[in-house]
């Protein structure tokens, strides 16, 4: 038995959960946040038999895509009379971060 932990962008979560569920793979979803942009994301917990790990990871890979966002950085503290001209910065967001862990014990109550 393996535990797949996938951290995905909120935009991709619904599609990913649907794909896993349609394939008969149970998934637990909960909201989370973090990373460089502190944007909302979703953490998926997927418990699967070792033979289905590759299938679960492939479904996550197919449904989570990386995308480009343009963000304006926070202005620094400036002295009176100084001027700060913010400009958008291109950053990559999305995709998925996946961890696959061994499960020593599993009980379904």
PDB file of N, CA and C in Angstrom:
ATOM      1  N   UNK A   1       0.848  -1.172   0.000  1.00  0.00           N
ATOM      2  CA  UNK A   1       0.000   0.000   0.000  1.00  0.00           C
ATOM      3  C   UNK A   1       0.891   1.232   0.000  1.00  0.00           C
ATOM      4  N   UNK A   2       0.475   2.251  -0.781  1.00  0.00           N
ATOM      5  CA  UNK A   2       1.215   3.511  -0.881  1.00  0.00           C
ATOM      6  C   UNK A   2       0.271   4.672  -0.616  1.00  0.00           C
ATOM      7  N   UNK A   3       0.825   5.766  -0.129  1.00  0.00           N
ATOM      8  CA  UNK A   3       0.082   7.002   0.042  1.00  0.00           C
ATOM      9  C   UNK A   3       0.677   8.021  -0.916  1.00  0.00           C
ATOM     10  N   UNK A   4      -0.153   8.503  -1.841  1.00  0.00           N
ATOM     11  CA  UNK A   4       0.263   9.532  -2.784  1.00  0.00           C
ATOM     12  C   UNK A   4      -0.272  10.858  -2.252  1.00  0.00           C
ATOM     13  N   UNK A   5       0.625  11.796  -2.015  1.00  0.00           N
ATOM     14  CA  UNK A   5       0.245  13.143  -1.586  1.00  0.00           C
ATOM     15  C   UNK A   5       0.549  14.059  -2.763  1.00  0.00           C
ATOM     16  N   UNK A   6      -0.492  14.712  -3.268  1.00  0.00           N
ATOM     17  CA  UNK A   6      -0.319  15.607  -4.411  1.00  0.00           C
ATOM     18  C   UNK A   6      -0.801  16.996  -4.037  1.00  0.00           C
ATOM     19  N   UNK A   7       0.052  17.988  -4.223  1.00  0.00           N
ATOM     20  CA  UNK A   7      -0.313  19.371  -3.989  1.00  0.00           C
ATOM     21  C   UNK A   7      -0.522  19.984  -5.365  1.00  0.00           C
ATOM     22  N   UNK A   8      -1.769  20.394  -5.635  1.00  0.00           N
ATOM     23  CA  UNK A   8      -2.124  20.886  -6.958  1.00  0.00           C
ATOM     24  C   UNK A   8      -2.750  22.272  -6.848  1.00  0.00           C
ATOM     25  N   UNK A   9      -2.720  23.019  -7.932  1.00  0.00           N
ATOM     26  CA  UNK A   9      -3.336  24.344  -7.939  1.00  0.00           C
ATOM     27  C   UNK A   9      -4.848  24.180  -7.883  1.00  0.00           C
ATOM     28  N   UNK A  10      -5.518  25.092  -7.207  1.00  0.00           N
ATOM     29  CA  UNK A  10      -6.960  25.022  -7.036  1.00  0.00           C
ATOM     30  C   UNK A  10      -7.724  24.872  -8.345  1.00  0.00           C
ATOM     31  N   UNK A  11      -7.256  25.520  -9.410  1.00  0.00           N
ATOM     32  CA  UNK A  11      -7.910  25.448 -10.711  1.00  0.00           C
ATOM     33  C   UNK A  11      -7.924  24.028 -11.277  1.00  0.00           C
ATOM     34  N   UNK A  12      -6.944  23.216 -10.909  1.00  0.00           N
ATOM     35  CA  UNK A  12      -6.818  21.863 -11.451  1.00  0.00           C
ATOM     36  C   UNK A  12      -7.436  20.803 -10.550  1.00  0.00           C
ATOM     37  N   UNK A  13      -7.794  21.174  -9.341  1.00  0.00           N
ATOM     38  CA  UNK A  13      -8.215  20.185  -8.348  1.00  0.00           C
ATOM     39  C   UNK A  13      -9.482  19.433  -8.729  1.00  0.00           C
ATOM     40  N   UNK A  14     -10.520  20.132  -9.141  1.00  0.00           N
ATOM     41  CA  UNK A  14     -11.781  19.480  -9.461  1.00  0.00           C
ATOM     42  C   UNK A  14     -11.637  18.446 -10.564  1.00  0.00           C
ATOM     43  N   UNK A  15     -10.960  18.830 -11.630  1.00  0.00           N
ATOM     44  CA  UNK A  15     -10.725  17.933 -12.763  1.00  0.00           C
ATOM     45  C   UNK A  15      -9.897  16.720 -12.341  1.00  0.00           C
ATOM     46  N   UNK A  16      -8.919  16.935 -11.488  1.00  0.00           N
ATOM     47  CA  UNK A  16      -8.047  15.850 -11.042  1.00  0.00           C
ATOM     48  C   UNK A  16      -8.803  14.870 -10.154  1.00  0.00           C
ATOM     49  N   UNK A  17      -9.584  15.384  -9.211  1.00  0.00           N
ATOM     50  CA  UNK A  17     -10.382  14.526  -8.326  1.00  0.00           C
ATOM     51  C   UNK A  17     -11.375  13.714  -9.154  1.00  0.00           C
ATOM     52  N   UNK A  18     -12.004  14.352 -10.132  1.00  0.00           N
ATOM     53  CA  UNK A  18     -12.960  13.655 -11.000  1.00  0.00           C
ATOM     54  C   UNK A  18     -12.287  12.520 -11.763  1.00  0.00           C
ATOM     55  N   UNK A  19     -11.106  12.768 -12.313  1.00  0.00           N
ATOM     56  CA  UNK A  19     -10.388  11.742 -13.072  1.00  0.00           C
ATOM     57  C   UNK A  19     -10.004  10.557 -12.180  1.00  0.00           C
ATOM     58  N   UNK A  20      -9.525  10.848 -10.974  1.00  0.00           N
ATOM     59  CA  UNK A  20      -9.155   9.777 -10.051  1.00  0.00           C
ATOM     60  C   UNK A  20     -10.388   8.971  -9.646  1.00  0.00           C
ATOM     61  N   UNK A  21     -11.461   9.648  -9.300  1.00  0.00           N
ATOM     62  CA  UNK A  21     -12.688   8.978  -8.861  1.00  0.00           C
ATOM     63  C   UNK A  21     -13.279   8.123  -9.974  1.00  0.00           C
ATOM     64  N   UNK A  22     -13.281   8.637 -11.201  1.00  0.00           N
ATOM     65  CA  UNK A  22     -13.802   7.892 -12.345  1.00  0.00           C
ATOM     66  C   UNK A  22     -13.013   6.602 -12.571  1.00  0.00           C
ATOM     67  N   UNK A  23     -11.749   6.632 -12.233  1.00  0.00           N
ATOM     68  CA  UNK A  23     -10.893   5.449 -12.388  1.00  0.00           C
ATOM     69  C   UNK A  23     -10.984   4.508 -11.195  1.00  0.00           C
ATOM     70  N   UNK A  24     -11.848   4.822 -10.238  1.00  0.00           N
ATOM     71  CA  UNK A  24     -12.009   3.959  -9.075  1.00  0.00           C
ATOM     72  C   UNK A  24     -10.961   4.159  -8.001  1.00  0.00           C
ATOM     73  N   UNK A  25     -10.294   5.290  -8.044  1.00  0.00           N
ATOM     74  CA  UNK A  25      -9.264   5.598  -7.053  1.00  0.00           C
ATOM     75  C   UNK A  25      -9.849   6.604  -6.067  1.00  0.00           C
ATOM     76  N   UNK A  26      -9.929   6.225  -4.801  1.00  0.00           N
ATOM     77  CA  UNK A  26     -10.462   7.115  -3.772  1.00  0.00           C
ATOM     78  C   UNK A  26      -9.466   8.215  -3.460  1.00  0.00           C
ATOM     79  N   UNK A  27     -10.006   9.392  -3.209  1.00  0.00           N
ATOM     80  CA  UNK A  27      -9.142  10.538  -2.943  1.00  0.00           C
ATOM     81  C   UNK A  27      -9.786  11.410  -1.870  1.00  0.00           C
ATOM     82  N   UNK A  28      -8.956  11.952  -0.990  1.00  0.00           N
ATOM     83  CA  UNK A  28      -9.391  12.915   0.003  1.00  0.00           C
ATOM     84  C   UNK A  28      -8.769  14.248  -0.374  1.00  0.00           C
ATOM     85  N   UNK A  29      -9.593  15.284  -0.375  1.00  0.00           N
ATOM     86  CA  UNK A  29      -9.166  16.607  -0.823  1.00  0.00           C
ATOM     87  C   UNK A  29      -9.315  17.599   0.319  1.00  0.00           C
ATOM     88  N   UNK A  30      -8.298  18.437   0.531  1.00  0.00           N
ATOM     89  CA  UNK A  30      -8.456  19.538   1.478  1.00  0.00           C
ATOM     90  C   UNK A  30      -7.677  20.760   1.010  1.00  0.00           C
ATOM     91  N   UNK A  31      -8.223  21.928   1.331  1.00  0.00           N
ATOM     92  CA  UNK A  31      -7.629  23.192   0.903  1.00  0.00           C
ATOM     93  C   UNK A  31      -6.340  23.443   1.676  1.00  0.00           C
ATOM     94  N   UNK A  32      -5.387  24.038   0.989  1.00  0.00           N
ATOM     95  CA  UNK A  32      -4.116  24.385   1.623  1.00  0.00           C
ATOM     96  C   UNK A  32      -3.570  25.630   0.925  1.00  0.00           C
ATOM     97  N   UNK A  33      -2.508  26.170   1.442  1.00  0.00           N
ATOM     98  CA  UNK A  33      -1.864  27.309   0.799  1.00  0.00           C
ATOM     99  C   UNK A  33      -0.393  27.260   1.137  1.00  0.00           C
ATOM    100  N   UNK A  34       0.360  27.981   0.359  1.00  0.00           N
ATOM    101  CA  UNK A  34       1.783  28.010   0.649  1.00  0.00           C
ATOM    102  C   UNK A  34       2.583  28.281  -0.602  1.00  0.00           C
ATOM    103  N   UNK A  35       3.863  28.173  -0.467  1.00  0.00           N
ATOM    104  CA  UNK A  35       4.743  28.404  -1.589  1.00  0.00           C
ATOM    105  C   UNK A  35       5.060  29.866  -1.785  1.00  0.00           C
ATOM    106  N   UNK A  36       5.696  30.129  -2.862  1.00  0.00           N
ATOM    107  CA  UNK A  36       6.211  31.442  -3.202  1.00  0.00           C
ATOM    108  C   UNK A  36       5.113  32.502  -3.271  1.00  0.00           C
ATOM    109  N   UNK A  37       3.953  32.158  -3.871  1.00  0.00           N
ATOM    110  CA  UNK A  37       2.906  33.152  -4.079  1.00  0.00           C
ATOM    111  C   UNK A  37       1.838  33.150  -3.001  1.00  0.00           C
ATOM    112  N   UNK A  38       1.880  32.207  -2.078  1.00  0.00           N
ATOM    113  CA  UNK A  38       0.876  32.082  -1.030  1.00  0.00           C
ATOM    114  C   UNK A  38      -0.535  32.014  -1.607  1.00  0.00           C
ATOM    115  N   UNK A  39      -0.675  31.399  -2.773  1.00  0.00           N
ATOM    116  CA  UNK A  39      -1.990  31.241  -3.388  1.00  0.00           C
ATOM    117  C   UNK A  39      -2.612  29.946  -2.913  1.00  0.00           C
ATOM    118  N   UNK A  40      -3.944  29.890  -3.002  1.00  0.00           N
ATOM    119  CA  UNK A  40      -4.655  28.692  -2.597  1.00  0.00           C
ATOM    120  C   UNK A  40      -4.329  27.518  -3.490  1.00  0.00           C
ATOM    121  N   UNK A  41      -4.149  26.389  -2.867  1.00  0.00           N
ATOM    122  CA  UNK A  41      -3.984  25.163  -3.613  1.00  0.00           C
ATOM    123  C   UNK A  41      -4.749  24.076  -2.880  1.00  0.00           C
ATOM    124  N   UNK A  42      -4.677  22.883  -3.390  1.00  0.00           N
ATOM    125  CA  UNK A  42      -5.398  21.759  -2.822  1.00  0.00           C
ATOM    126  C   UNK A  42      -4.414  20.625  -2.607  1.00  0.00           C
ATOM    127  N   UNK A  43      -4.515  19.971  -1.461  1.00  0.00           N
ATOM    128  CA  UNK A  43      -3.699  18.791  -1.194  1.00  0.00           C
ATOM    129  C   UNK A  43      -4.601  17.571  -1.322  1.00  0.00           C
ATOM    130  N   UNK A  44      -4.178  16.622  -2.142  1.00  0.00           N
ATOM    131  CA  UNK A  44      -4.920  15.389  -2.358  1.00  0.00           C
ATOM    132  C   UNK A  44      -4.197  14.245  -1.675  1.00  0.00           C
ATOM    133  N   UNK A  45      -4.929  13.440  -0.917  1.00  0.00           N
ATOM    134  CA  UNK A  45      -4.387  12.237  -0.297  1.00  0.00           C
ATOM    135  C   UNK A  45      -5.018  11.045  -1.014  1.00  0.00           C
ATOM    136  N   UNK A  46      -4.175  10.199  -1.583  1.00  0.00           N
ATOM    137  CA  UNK A  46      -4.642   9.064  -2.361  1.00  0.00           C
ATOM    138  C   UNK A  46      -3.965   7.805  -1.834  1.00  0.00           C
ATOM    139  N   UNK A  47      -4.750   6.905  -1.271  1.00  0.00           N
ATOM    140  CA  UNK A  47      -4.220   5.630  -0.818  1.00  0.00           C
ATOM    141  C   UNK A  47      -4.481   4.582  -1.885  1.00  0.00           C
ATOM    142  N   UNK A  48      -3.423   3.973  -2.420  1.00  0.00           N
ATOM    143  CA  UNK A  48      -3.577   2.995  -3.501  1.00  0.00           C
ATOM    144  C   UNK A  48      -2.655   1.800  -3.285  1.00  0.00           C
ATOM    145  N   UNK A  49      -3.040   0.678  -3.899  1.00  0.00           N
ATOM    146  CA  UNK A  49      -2.147  -0.470  -3.922  1.00  0.00           C
ATOM    147  C   UNK A  49      -0.936  -0.118  -4.777  1.00  0.00           C
ATOM    148  N   UNK A  50       0.170  -0.750  -4.495  1.00  0.00           N
ATOM    149  CA  UNK A  50       1.413  -0.433  -5.188  1.00  0.00           C
ATOM    150  C   UNK A  50       1.281  -0.537  -6.709  1.00  0.00           C
ATOM    151  N   UNK A  51       0.461  -1.459  -7.193  1.00  0.00           N
ATOM    152  CA  UNK A  51       0.292  -1.652  -8.636  1.00  0.00           C
ATOM    153  C   UNK A  51      -0.417  -0.465  -9.307  1.00  0.00           C
ATOM    154  N   UNK A  52      -1.139   0.343  -8.540  1.00  0.00           N
ATOM    155  CA  UNK A  52      -1.904   1.452  -9.119  1.00  0.00           C
ATOM    156  C   UNK A  52      -1.251   2.819  -8.914  1.00  0.00           C
ATOM    157  N   UNK A  53      -0.076   2.854  -8.324  1.00  0.00           N
ATOM    158  CA  UNK A  53       0.603   4.134  -8.094  1.00  0.00           C
ATOM    159  C   UNK A  53       0.874   4.849  -9.408  1.00  0.00           C
ATOM    160  N   UNK A  54       1.411   4.122 -10.390  1.00  0.00           N
ATOM    161  CA  UNK A  54       1.727   4.760 -11.674  1.00  0.00           C
ATOM    162  C   UNK A  54       0.480   5.326 -12.332  1.00  0.00           C
ATOM    163  N   UNK A  55      -0.639   4.617 -12.243  1.00  0.00           N
ATOM    164  CA  UNK A  55      -1.895   5.098 -12.814  1.00  0.00           C
ATOM    165  C   UNK A  55      -2.344   6.380 -12.116  1.00  0.00           C
ATOM    166  N   UNK A  56      -2.281   6.408 -10.797  1.00  0.00           N
ATOM    167  CA  UNK A  56      -2.687   7.599 -10.042  1.00  0.00           C
ATOM    168  C   UNK A  56      -1.802   8.793 -10.391  1.00  0.00           C
ATOM    169  N   UNK A  57      -0.502   8.583 -10.442  1.00  0.00           N
ATOM    170  CA  UNK A  57       0.428   9.669 -10.768  1.00  0.00           C
ATOM    171  C   UNK A  57       0.188  10.156 -12.198  1.00  0.00           C
ATOM    172  N   UNK A  58      -0.072   9.248 -13.122  1.00  0.00           N
ATOM    173  CA  UNK A  58      -0.333   9.637 -14.512  1.00  0.00           C
ATOM    174  C   UNK A  58      -1.613  10.475 -14.621  1.00  0.00           C
ATOM    175  N   UNK A  59      -2.656  10.090 -13.895  1.00  0.00           N
ATOM    176  CA  UNK A  59      -3.900  10.870 -13.912  1.00  0.00           C
ATOM    177  C   UNK A  59      -3.677  12.278 -13.354  1.00  0.00           C
ATOM    178  N   UNK A  60      -2.890  12.376 -12.304  1.00  0.00           N
ATOM    179  CA  UNK A  60      -2.562  13.697 -11.738  1.00  0.00           C
ATOM    180  C   UNK A  60      -1.780  14.503 -12.771  1.00  0.00           C
ATOM    181  N   UNK A  61      -0.799  13.876 -13.401  1.00  0.00           N
ATOM    182  CA  UNK A  61       0.034  14.540 -14.407  1.00  0.00           C
ATOM    183  C   UNK A  61      -0.820  15.066 -15.576  1.00  0.00           C
ATOM    184  N   UNK A  62      -1.784  14.271 -16.023  1.00  0.00           N
ATOM    185  CA  UNK A  62      -2.623  14.648 -17.163  1.00  0.00           C
ATOM    186  C   UNK A  62      -3.582  15.798 -16.836  1.00  0.00           C
ATOM    187  N   UNK A  63      -3.918  15.982 -15.574  1.00  0.00           N
ATOM    188  CA  UNK A  63      -4.936  16.963 -15.205  1.00  0.00           C
ATOM    189  C   UNK A  63      -4.404  18.207 -14.514  1.00  0.00           C
ATOM    190  N   UNK A  64      -3.127  18.270 -14.266  1.00  0.00           N
ATOM    191  CA  UNK A  64      -2.520  19.438 -13.616  1.00  0.00           C
ATOM    192  C   UNK A  64      -1.503  20.035 -14.564  1.00  0.00           C
ATOM    193  N   UNK A  65      -1.773  21.247 -15.001  1.00  0.00           N
ATOM    194  CA  UNK A  65      -0.848  21.849 -15.957  1.00  0.00           C
ATOM    195  C   UNK A  65      -0.214  23.109 -15.380  1.00  0.00           C
ATOM    196  N   UNK A  66       0.968  23.382 -15.876  1.00  0.00           N
ATOM    197  CA  UNK A  66       1.677  24.585 -15.476  1.00  0.00           C
ATOM    198  C   UNK A  66       1.189  25.726 -16.360  1.00  0.00           C
ATOM    199  N   UNK A  67       1.080  26.916 -15.798  1.00  0.00           N
ATOM    200  CA  UNK A  67       0.630  28.074 -16.558  1.00  0.00           C
ATOM    201  C   UNK A  67       1.441  29.296 -16.135  1.00  0.00           C
ATOM    202  N   UNK A  68       1.380  30.328 -16.959  1.00  0.00           N
ATOM    203  CA  UNK A  68       2.111  31.566 -16.696  1.00  0.00           C
ATOM    204  C   UNK A  68       1.175  32.605 -16.102  1.00  0.00           C
ATOM    205  N   UNK A  69       1.651  33.303 -15.087  1.00  0.00           N
ATOM    206  CA  UNK A  69       0.907  34.413 -14.487  1.00  0.00           C
ATOM    207  C   UNK A  69       1.839  35.631 -14.464  1.00  0.00           C
ATOM    208  N   UNK A  70       1.233  36.798 -14.547  1.00  0.00           N
ATOM    209  CA  UNK A  70       1.981  38.040 -14.430  1.00  0.00           C
ATOM    210  C   UNK A  70       1.557  38.705 -13.134  1.00  0.00           C
ATOM    211  N   UNK A  71       2.508  38.945 -12.270  1.00  0.00           N
ATOM    212  CA  UNK A  71       2.239  39.536 -10.964  1.00  0.00           C
ATOM    213  C   UNK A  71       3.035  40.823 -10.800  1.00  0.00           C
ATOM    214  N   UNK A  72       2.433  41.760 -10.105  1.00  0.00           N
ATOM    215  CA  UNK A  72       3.125  43.003  -9.789  1.00  0.00           C
ATOM    216  C   UNK A  72       3.687  42.881  -8.380  1.00  0.00           C
ATOM    217  N   UNK A  73       4.997  43.011  -8.219  1.00  0.00           N
ATOM    218  CA  UNK A  73       5.580  42.877  -6.879  1.00  0.00           C
ATOM    219  C   UNK A  73       5.146  44.011  -5.966  1.00  0.00           C
ATOM    220  N   UNK A  74       5.204  43.731  -4.674  1.00  0.00           N
ATOM    221  CA  UNK A  74       4.881  44.763  -3.683  1.00  0.00           C
ATOM    222  C   UNK A  74       5.938  45.864  -3.771  1.00  0.00           C
ATOM    223  N   UNK A  75       5.500  47.122  -3.716  1.00  0.00           N
ATOM    224  CA  UNK A  75       6.483  48.211  -3.801  1.00  0.00           C
ATOM    225  C   UNK A  75       7.328  48.285  -2.535  1.00  0.00           C
ATOM    226  N   UNK A  76       8.600  48.614  -2.690  1.00  0.00           N
ATOM    227  CA  UNK A  76       9.440  48.785  -1.503  1.00  0.00           C
ATOM    228  C   UNK A  76       9.095  50.100  -0.810  1.00  0.00           C
ATOM    229  N   UNK A  77       9.559  50.247   0.391  1.00  0.00           N
ATOM    230  CA  UNK A  77       9.368  51.509   1.108  1.00  0.00           C
ATOM    231  C   UNK A  77      10.219  52.571   0.401  1.00  0.00           C
ATOM    232  N   UNK A  78       9.566  53.641   0.038  1.00  0.00           N
ATOM    233  CA  UNK A  78      10.302  54.708  -0.639  1.00  0.00           C
ATOM    234  C   UNK A  78      10.243  55.979   0.204  1.00  0.00           C
ATOM    235  N   UNK A  79      11.230  56.799   0.034  1.00  0.00           N
ATOM    236  CA  UNK A  79      11.301  58.077   0.741  1.00  0.00           C
ATOM    237  C   UNK A  79      10.362  59.076   0.072  1.00  0.00           C
ATOM    238  N   UNK A  80       9.869  60.049   0.828  1.00  0.00           N
ATOM    239  CA  UNK A  80       9.025  61.071   0.210  1.00  0.00           C
ATOM    240  C   UNK A  80       9.738  61.717  -0.976  1.00  0.00           C
ATOM    241  N   UNK A  81       9.001  61.874  -2.071  1.00  0.00           N
ATOM    242  CA  UNK A  81       9.586  62.475  -3.269  1.00  0.00           C
ATOM    243  C   UNK A  81      10.164  61.450  -4.224  1.00  0.00           C
ATOM    244  N   UNK A  82      10.419  60.228  -3.747  1.00  0.00           N
ATOM    245  CA  UNK A  82      10.912  59.181  -4.642  1.00  0.00           C
ATOM    246  C   UNK A  82       9.726  58.522  -5.319  1.00  0.00           C
ATOM    247  N   UNK A  83      10.004  57.849  -6.410  1.00  0.00           N
ATOM    248  CA  UNK A  83       8.930  57.212  -7.154  1.00  0.00           C
ATOM    249  C   UNK A  83       9.305  55.763  -7.440  1.00  0.00           C
ATOM    250  N   UNK A  84       8.323  54.868  -7.307  1.00  0.00           N
ATOM    251  CA  UNK A  84       8.541  53.456  -7.618  1.00  0.00           C
ATOM    252  C   UNK A  84       7.633  53.086  -8.785  1.00  0.00           C
ATOM    253  N   UNK A  85       8.214  52.586  -9.850  1.00  0.00           N
ATOM    254  CA  UNK A  85       7.431  52.184 -11.025  1.00  0.00           C
ATOM    255  C   UNK A  85       7.361  50.654 -11.040  1.00  0.00           C
ATOM    256  N   UNK A  86       6.247  50.094 -10.549  1.00  0.00           N
ATOM    257  CA  UNK A  86       6.132  48.636 -10.554  1.00  0.00           C
ATOM    258  C   UNK A  86       5.933  48.108 -11.969  1.00  0.00           C
ATOM    259  N   UNK A  87       6.443  46.935 -12.222  1.00  0.00           N
ATOM    260  CA  UNK A  87       6.221  46.284 -13.511  1.00  0.00           C
ATOM    261  C   UNK A  87       5.910  44.818 -13.236  1.00  0.00           C
ATOM    262  N   UNK A  88       5.093  44.257 -14.081  1.00  0.00           N
ATOM    263  CA  UNK A  88       4.668  42.866 -13.906  1.00  0.00           C
ATOM    264  C   UNK A  88       5.837  41.915 -14.121  1.00  0.00           C
ATOM    265  N   UNK A  89       5.842  40.864 -13.320  1.00  0.00           N
ATOM    266  CA  UNK A  89       6.871  39.833 -13.412  1.00  0.00           C
ATOM    267  C   UNK A  89       6.195  38.530 -13.826  1.00  0.00           C
ATOM    268  N   UNK A  90       6.767  37.855 -14.794  1.00  0.00           N
ATOM    269  CA  UNK A  90       6.213  36.586 -15.267  1.00  0.00           C
ATOM    270  C   UNK A  90       6.682  35.452 -14.359  1.00  0.00           C
ATOM    271  N   UNK A  91       5.732  34.649 -13.850  1.00  0.00           N
ATOM    272  CA  UNK A  91       6.069  33.504 -13.007  1.00  0.00           C
ATOM    273  C   UNK A  91       5.284  32.281 -13.490  1.00  0.00           C
ATOM    274  N   UNK A  92       5.849  31.114 -13.274  1.00  0.00           N
ATOM    275  CA  UNK A  92       5.181  29.860 -13.606  1.00  0.00           C
ATOM    276  C   UNK A  92       4.441  29.356 -12.379  1.00  0.00           C
ATOM    277  N   UNK A  93       3.168  29.010 -12.534  1.00  0.00           N
ATOM    278  CA  UNK A  93       2.379  28.455 -11.444  1.00  0.00           C
ATOM    279  C   UNK A  93       1.686  27.195 -11.952  1.00  0.00           C
ATOM    280  N   UNK A  94       1.188  26.421 -11.029  1.00  0.00           N
ATOM    281  CA  UNK A  94       0.440  25.223 -11.411  1.00  0.00           C
ATOM    282  C   UNK A  94       1.298  23.992 -11.408  1.00  0.00           C
ATOM    283  N   UNK A  95       0.833  23.002 -12.154  1.00  0.00           N
ATOM    284  CA  UNK A  95       1.509  21.721 -12.121  1.00  0.00           C
ATOM    285  C   UNK A  95       1.134  21.008 -10.835  1.00  0.00           C
ATOM    286  N   UNK A  96       1.955  20.112 -10.409  1.00  0.00           N
ATOM    287  CA  UNK A  96       1.692  19.369  -9.178  1.00  0.00           C
ATOM    288  C   UNK A  96       3.011  18.999  -8.522  1.00  0.00           C
ATOM    289  N   UNK A  97       2.979  18.915  -7.210  1.00  0.00           N
ATOM    290  CA  UNK A  97       4.092  18.362  -6.446  1.00  0.00           C
ATOM    291  C   UNK A  97       3.568  17.071  -5.839  1.00  0.00           C
ATOM    292  N   UNK A  98       4.245  15.960  -6.141  1.00  0.00           N
ATOM    293  CA  UNK A  98       3.747  14.643  -5.752  1.00  0.00           C
ATOM    294  C   UNK A  98       4.769  13.925  -4.880  1.00  0.00           C
ATOM    295  N   UNK A  99       4.272  13.369  -3.773  1.00  0.00           N
ATOM    296  CA  UNK A  99       5.078  12.531  -2.891  1.00  0.00           C
ATOM    297  C   UNK A  99       4.426  11.150  -2.853  1.00  0.00           C
ATOM    298  N   UNK A 100       5.224  10.111  -2.924  1.00  0.00           N
ATOM    299  CA  UNK A 100       4.710   8.746  -2.792  1.00  0.00           C
ATOM    300  C   UNK A 100       5.403   8.126  -1.581  1.00  0.00           C
ATOM    301  N   UNK A 101       4.599   7.729  -0.590  1.00  0.00           N
ATOM    302  CA  UNK A 101       5.116   7.209   0.668  1.00  0.00           C
ATOM    303  C   UNK A 101       4.663   5.767   0.891  1.00  0.00           C
ATOM    304  N   UNK A 102       5.504   4.995   1.544  1.00  0.00           N
ATOM    305  CA  UNK A 102       5.112   3.653   1.972  1.00  0.00           C
ATOM    306  C   UNK A 102       4.143   3.760   3.141  1.00  0.00           C
ATOM    307  N   UNK A 103       3.162   2.866   3.176  1.00  0.00           N
ATOM    308  CA  UNK A 103       2.202   2.828   4.281  1.00  0.00           C
ATOM    309  C   UNK A 103       2.456   1.549   5.066  1.00  0.00           C
ATOM    310  N   UNK A 104       2.808   1.700   6.327  1.00  0.00           N
ATOM    311  CA  UNK A 104       3.072   0.524   7.168  1.00  0.00           C
ATOM    312  C   UNK A 104       1.799  -0.196   7.552  1.00  0.00           C
ATOM    313  N   UNK A 105       0.764   0.567   7.838  1.00  0.00           N
ATOM    314  CA  UNK A 105      -0.483  -0.039   8.302  1.00  0.00           C
ATOM    315  C   UNK A 105      -1.659   0.734   7.708  1.00  0.00           C
ATOM    316  N   UNK A 106      -2.691  -0.009   7.307  1.00  0.00           N
ATOM    317  CA  UNK A 106      -3.888   0.599   6.760  1.00  0.00           C
ATOM    318  C   UNK A 106      -5.097  -0.076   7.358  1.00  0.00           C
ATOM    319  N   UNK A 107      -6.032   0.713   7.870  1.00  0.00           N
ATOM    320  CA  UNK A 107      -7.274   0.165   8.427  1.00  0.00           C
ATOM    321  C   UNK A 107      -8.421   0.993   7.904  1.00  0.00           C
ATOM    322  N   UNK A 108      -9.470   0.333   7.457  1.00  0.00           N
ATOM    323  CA  UNK A 108     -10.681   1.024   7.044  1.00  0.00           C
ATOM    324  C   UNK A 108     -11.774   0.645   8.006  1.00  0.00           C
ATOM    325  N   UNK A 109     -12.241   1.614   8.784  1.00  0.00           N
ATOM    326  CA  UNK A 109     -13.226   1.358   9.828  1.00  0.00           C
ATOM    327  C   UNK A 109     -14.613   1.776   9.415  1.00  0.00           C
TER     328      UNK A 109
END
